[in-house]
N, C-alpha and C. Protein backbone atom coordinates (compact mmCIF):
# COMPACT_ATOMS: atom_id res chain seq x y z
N MET A 1 12.25 21.11 -52.48
CA MET A 1 11.92 20.18 -51.70
C MET A 1 11.25 20.61 -50.70
N ARG A 2 11.95 21.48 -50.00
CA ARG A 2 11.57 21.61 -48.23
C ARG A 2 9.82 22.12 -48.80
N SER A 3 9.66 23.09 -49.75
CA SER A 3 8.19 23.44 -50.07
C SER A 3 6.90 22.65 -49.45
N ILE A 4 7.50 21.31 -50.76
CA ILE A 4 6.52 20.67 -51.17
C ILE A 4 6.19 19.49 -49.54
N LEU A 5 7.60 19.48 -49.07
CA LEU A 5 7.15 18.75 -47.29
C LEU A 5 6.24 19.55 -47.26
N LEU A 6 6.58 21.05 -46.73
CA LEU A 6 5.94 21.86 -45.68
C LEU A 6 4.37 21.97 -46.31
N ALA A 7 4.30 21.49 -46.97
CA ALA A 7 2.74 21.90 -48.00
C ALA A 7 2.08 20.55 -47.31
N VAL A 8 3.05 19.45 -47.31
CA VAL A 8 2.03 18.14 -47.16
C VAL A 8 1.80 17.96 -45.48
N VAL A 9 2.90 18.38 -45.42
CA VAL A 9 3.00 18.51 -43.25
C VAL A 9 1.67 19.19 -43.58
N LEU A 10 1.81 20.17 -43.73
CA LEU A 10 0.42 21.42 -43.43
C LEU A 10 -1.27 20.74 -43.92
N LEU A 11 -1.24 19.86 -45.11
CA LEU A 11 -2.21 19.20 -45.63
C LEU A 11 -2.60 17.96 -44.64
N ILE A 12 -1.71 17.60 -44.06
CA ILE A 12 -1.94 16.40 -43.19
C ILE A 12 -2.13 16.74 -41.91
N SER A 13 -1.81 18.00 -41.33
CA SER A 13 -2.05 18.51 -39.93
C SER A 13 -3.50 18.65 -39.22
N PRO A 14 -4.14 19.06 -39.92
CA PRO A 14 -5.75 18.97 -39.65
C PRO A 14 -6.44 17.91 -39.43
N ALA A 15 -6.08 16.55 -40.47
CA ALA A 15 -6.52 15.60 -40.07
C ALA A 15 -6.24 15.28 -38.01
N CYS A 16 -4.58 15.81 -38.10
CA CYS A 16 -4.37 15.05 -36.51
C CYS A 16 -4.40 15.56 -35.70
N GLU A 17 -5.40 15.64 -34.86
CA GLU A 17 -5.80 16.58 -33.52
C GLU A 17 -5.16 16.20 -32.25
N ILE A 18 -4.20 16.93 -31.53
CA ILE A 18 -3.69 16.87 -30.69
C ILE A 18 -4.61 17.42 -29.35
N THR A 19 -5.03 17.29 -28.09
CA THR A 19 -5.72 18.10 -27.57
C THR A 19 -4.37 17.84 -26.27
N VAL A 20 -4.13 18.70 -25.29
CA VAL A 20 -3.65 18.78 -24.29
C VAL A 20 -4.51 19.31 -22.51
N ASP A 21 -4.99 18.10 -21.91
CA ASP A 21 -5.51 18.70 -20.78
C ASP A 21 -4.49 20.21 -19.65
N ALA A 22 -5.06 21.50 -20.42
CA ALA A 22 -4.15 22.22 -19.29
C ALA A 22 -4.21 22.09 -17.91
N ASP A 23 -5.37 21.27 -17.37
CA ASP A 23 -5.54 21.54 -15.60
C ASP A 23 -5.83 19.76 -15.33
N PRO A 24 -4.90 19.21 -15.42
CA PRO A 24 -5.30 17.92 -15.29
C PRO A 24 -5.69 17.62 -13.28
N ALA A 25 -6.32 16.64 -13.29
CA ALA A 25 -6.83 16.18 -11.64
C ALA A 25 -5.53 16.24 -11.19
N PRO A 26 -5.21 16.52 -9.89
CA PRO A 26 -4.22 15.95 -8.71
C PRO A 26 -4.28 14.89 -8.46
N VAL A 27 -3.00 14.22 -8.35
CA VAL A 27 -2.90 12.89 -7.95
C VAL A 27 -2.62 12.72 -6.14
N ASP A 28 -2.93 12.54 -5.54
CA ASP A 28 -2.90 12.50 -4.09
C ASP A 28 -2.03 10.98 -3.79
N ILE A 29 -0.74 11.10 -4.02
CA ILE A 29 -0.13 9.89 -3.59
C ILE A 29 0.24 9.64 -2.57
N TYR A 30 -0.18 10.03 -1.42
CA TYR A 30 -0.58 9.55 0.16
C TYR A 30 -1.93 8.66 0.19
N SER A 31 -3.06 8.96 -0.72
CA SER A 31 -4.02 8.26 -0.71
C SER A 31 -4.21 6.36 -1.03
N TYR A 32 -2.96 6.14 -1.04
CA TYR A 32 -2.55 5.03 -1.34
C TYR A 32 -2.42 4.13 -0.54
N GLU A 33 -3.43 3.24 -0.35
CA GLU A 33 -3.39 2.62 1.04
C GLU A 33 -2.93 0.64 0.88
N VAL A 34 -2.29 0.49 1.42
CA VAL A 34 -1.83 -0.71 1.21
C VAL A 34 -2.55 -1.44 2.43
N CYS A 35 -3.66 -2.91 1.55
CA CYS A 35 -4.14 -3.37 2.33
C CYS A 35 -4.11 -4.93 2.34
N TYR A 36 -3.37 -5.33 3.85
CA TYR A 36 -3.46 -6.83 3.59
C TYR A 36 -4.55 -7.54 4.61
N GLU A 37 -4.87 -8.46 3.98
CA GLU A 37 -5.53 -8.97 3.75
C GLU A 37 -6.09 -10.30 4.88
N GLU A 38 -4.86 -10.65 4.44
CA GLU A 38 -4.21 -11.90 5.00
C GLU A 38 -3.67 -11.87 6.42
N PRO A 39 -3.64 -12.78 7.28
CA PRO A 39 -2.59 -12.37 8.57
C PRO A 39 -1.30 -12.63 7.79
N PRO A 40 -0.37 -11.82 8.52
CA PRO A 40 0.92 -11.71 8.41
C PRO A 40 2.13 -12.32 8.23
N TYR A 41 1.35 -13.67 8.87
CA TYR A 41 3.23 -14.78 9.02
C TYR A 41 1.32 -16.24 8.54
N TYR A 42 2.07 -17.35 8.00
CA TYR A 42 1.48 -18.42 7.27
C TYR A 42 0.81 -19.33 8.53
N GLU A 43 1.95 -19.26 9.79
CA GLU A 43 1.86 -19.94 11.13
C GLU A 43 0.12 -19.29 11.79
N SER A 44 -0.42 -20.00 12.42
CA SER A 44 -1.38 -19.66 13.35
C SER A 44 -0.57 -18.44 14.28
N PRO A 45 -1.23 -17.67 15.25
CA PRO A 45 -1.14 -16.89 16.14
C PRO A 45 -0.30 -17.48 17.31
N ASP A 46 0.24 -16.83 18.21
CA ASP A 46 1.06 -17.32 19.33
C ASP A 46 -0.33 -17.20 20.51
N SER A 47 -0.74 -15.94 20.30
CA SER A 47 -1.87 -15.23 21.23
C SER A 47 -2.61 -14.13 20.30
N CYS A 48 -3.66 -13.77 20.69
CA CYS A 48 -4.96 -13.01 20.03
C CYS A 48 -5.53 -12.87 21.38
N THR A 49 -5.99 -11.17 20.99
CA THR A 49 -6.83 -10.03 22.22
C THR A 49 -8.07 -9.57 21.09
N GLU A 50 -8.44 -9.82 21.69
CA GLU A 50 -10.05 -9.14 21.39
C GLU A 50 -10.23 -8.04 21.93
N TYR A 51 -10.93 -6.96 21.17
CA TYR A 51 -10.98 -6.03 21.59
C TYR A 51 -12.39 -5.19 20.68
N TYR A 52 -12.94 -4.33 21.17
CA TYR A 52 -14.36 -3.88 20.49
C TYR A 52 -13.44 -3.22 19.20
N GLY A 53 -14.62 -3.81 18.20
CA GLY A 53 -14.16 -3.21 17.30
C GLY A 53 -12.46 -3.77 16.12
N GLY A 54 -12.48 -4.83 16.90
CA GLY A 54 -11.56 -5.60 16.10
C GLY A 54 -10.43 -6.71 16.91
N TYR A 55 -9.59 -7.15 16.99
CA TYR A 55 -8.36 -8.27 18.22
C TYR A 55 -7.25 -7.48 17.22
N CYS A 56 -6.21 -7.91 17.99
CA CYS A 56 -5.00 -7.95 18.13
C CYS A 56 -4.13 -9.59 18.19
N CYS A 57 -3.20 -9.79 17.48
CA CYS A 57 -2.62 -11.32 17.65
C CYS A 57 -1.00 -10.31 17.26
N GLU A 58 -0.43 -11.98 17.97
CA GLU A 58 1.05 -11.82 18.22
C GLU A 58 1.20 -12.94 17.25
N TRP A 59 2.90 -12.79 17.42
CA TRP A 59 3.82 -13.79 16.21
C TRP A 59 4.92 -13.68 16.98
N TYR A 60 5.55 -15.27 17.67
CA TYR A 60 6.97 -15.23 17.67
C TYR A 60 7.79 -15.01 16.50
N VAL A 61 8.50 -14.10 16.88
CA VAL A 61 9.66 -13.56 15.53
C VAL A 61 11.28 -13.99 16.03
N TYR A 62 11.81 -13.94 17.24
CA TYR A 62 13.09 -13.67 17.96
C TYR A 62 13.07 -13.96 19.19
N SER A 63 14.58 -14.31 19.81
CA SER A 63 14.45 -14.17 21.21
C SER A 63 16.35 -14.65 21.39
N THR A 64 16.15 -14.19 22.79
CA THR A 64 17.77 -13.66 23.36
C THR A 64 18.05 -14.10 24.42
N ASN A 65 18.60 -14.39 24.88
CA ASN A 65 18.94 -14.76 26.03
C ASN A 65 18.03 -14.38 27.23
N TRP A 66 17.71 -13.50 27.21
CA TRP A 66 16.91 -12.86 28.03
C TRP A 66 15.55 -12.57 28.07
N ASP A 67 14.88 -12.26 26.80
CA ASP A 67 13.72 -11.77 26.22
C ASP A 67 13.31 -12.94 24.92
N ILE A 68 11.57 -13.20 24.39
CA ILE A 68 11.23 -13.09 23.91
C ILE A 68 10.49 -12.49 22.98
N CYS A 69 10.69 -12.49 21.84
CA CYS A 69 10.18 -11.07 21.04
C CYS A 69 9.16 -11.59 20.09
N TYR A 70 8.13 -11.38 19.76
CA TYR A 70 6.90 -11.07 19.32
C TYR A 70 6.40 -9.70 18.33
N GLU A 71 5.78 -10.10 17.26
CA GLU A 71 5.38 -8.60 16.24
C GLU A 71 3.77 -8.64 17.14
N GLU A 72 3.38 -7.63 16.95
CA GLU A 72 1.86 -7.62 17.04
C GLU A 72 1.63 -6.73 16.14
N TRP A 73 0.26 -7.49 14.96
CA TRP A 73 -0.56 -6.95 14.20
C TRP A 73 -2.23 -7.27 14.92
N CYS A 74 -2.60 -6.02 14.17
CA CYS A 74 -4.14 -5.66 14.78
C CYS A 74 -5.23 -5.97 13.19
N SER A 75 -6.06 -6.25 13.67
CA SER A 75 -7.24 -6.31 12.19
C SER A 75 -8.62 -5.39 12.85
N TRP A 76 -8.62 -4.93 12.90
CA TRP A 76 -9.94 -3.86 13.03
C TRP A 76 -11.00 -3.34 11.66
N ASP A 77 -12.48 -3.97 12.60
CA ASP A 77 -13.76 -3.05 11.69
C ASP A 77 -13.81 -2.50 10.43
N ASP A 78 -13.11 -1.23 11.32
CA ASP A 78 -13.46 -0.06 10.31
C ASP A 78 -12.37 0.27 9.50
N MET A 79 -11.10 -0.49 9.17
CA MET A 79 -9.91 -0.34 8.44
C MET A 79 -9.66 -1.80 7.47
N CYS A 80 -9.23 -1.55 7.20
CA CYS A 80 -8.40 -2.19 5.21
C CYS A 80 -7.46 -3.32 6.51
N GLY A 81 -7.74 -4.53 6.26
CA GLY A 81 -7.16 -5.83 6.47
C GLY A 81 -6.00 -5.08 7.92
N TRP A 82 -4.99 -6.12 7.89
CA TRP A 82 -4.22 -6.17 9.09
C TRP A 82 -3.10 -4.93 9.25
N GLU A 83 -2.48 -4.12 10.74
CA GLU A 83 -1.89 -3.48 10.60
C GLU A 83 -0.92 -3.40 11.36
N TYR A 84 0.45 -3.23 11.42
CA TYR A 84 1.42 -3.21 12.34
C TYR A 84 1.44 -3.24 13.07
N THR A 85 1.87 -3.13 14.12
CA THR A 85 1.89 -2.85 15.57
C THR A 85 2.77 -2.37 16.15
N ALA A 86 3.37 -3.45 16.58
CA ALA A 86 4.70 -3.10 17.66
C ALA A 86 5.34 -4.41 17.71
N ASP A 87 6.64 -4.13 18.12
CA ASP A 87 7.65 -5.74 18.36
C ASP A 87 7.43 -5.42 20.17
N ASN A 88 6.65 -6.97 21.02
CA ASN A 88 6.87 -6.93 21.72
C ASN A 88 7.65 -8.16 22.27
N CYS A 89 8.80 -7.53 23.49
CA CYS A 89 9.76 -8.22 24.33
C CYS A 89 9.04 -8.62 25.26
N TYR A 90 9.29 -9.91 25.78
CA TYR A 90 8.99 -10.19 27.29
C TYR A 90 10.18 -10.98 28.13
N SER A 91 10.54 -10.56 29.09
CA SER A 91 12.05 -11.30 29.72
C SER A 91 11.22 -12.25 30.22
N ILE A 92 12.27 -13.24 29.79
CA ILE A 92 12.06 -15.06 30.37
C ILE A 92 12.52 -15.01 31.88
């Protein structure tokens, strides 16, 4: 029985060809760029500053008894979408 099964497998195997790429192209996991085309918040920014090549805007995020804090995001002409820049806190 084994010899019959082996003969059947040997007859079928030339019809099935399996190829393996011995040298696949490397994948650069760091080349993936996240692109935020829409502004980071739904509401309008509290302030924006225009620069050569783009602009930066601040959105209110929280306040304390002595500070008011904003997130600053920038959109540059030569980059994709909005880029988080910093948290800026100002004394009240």
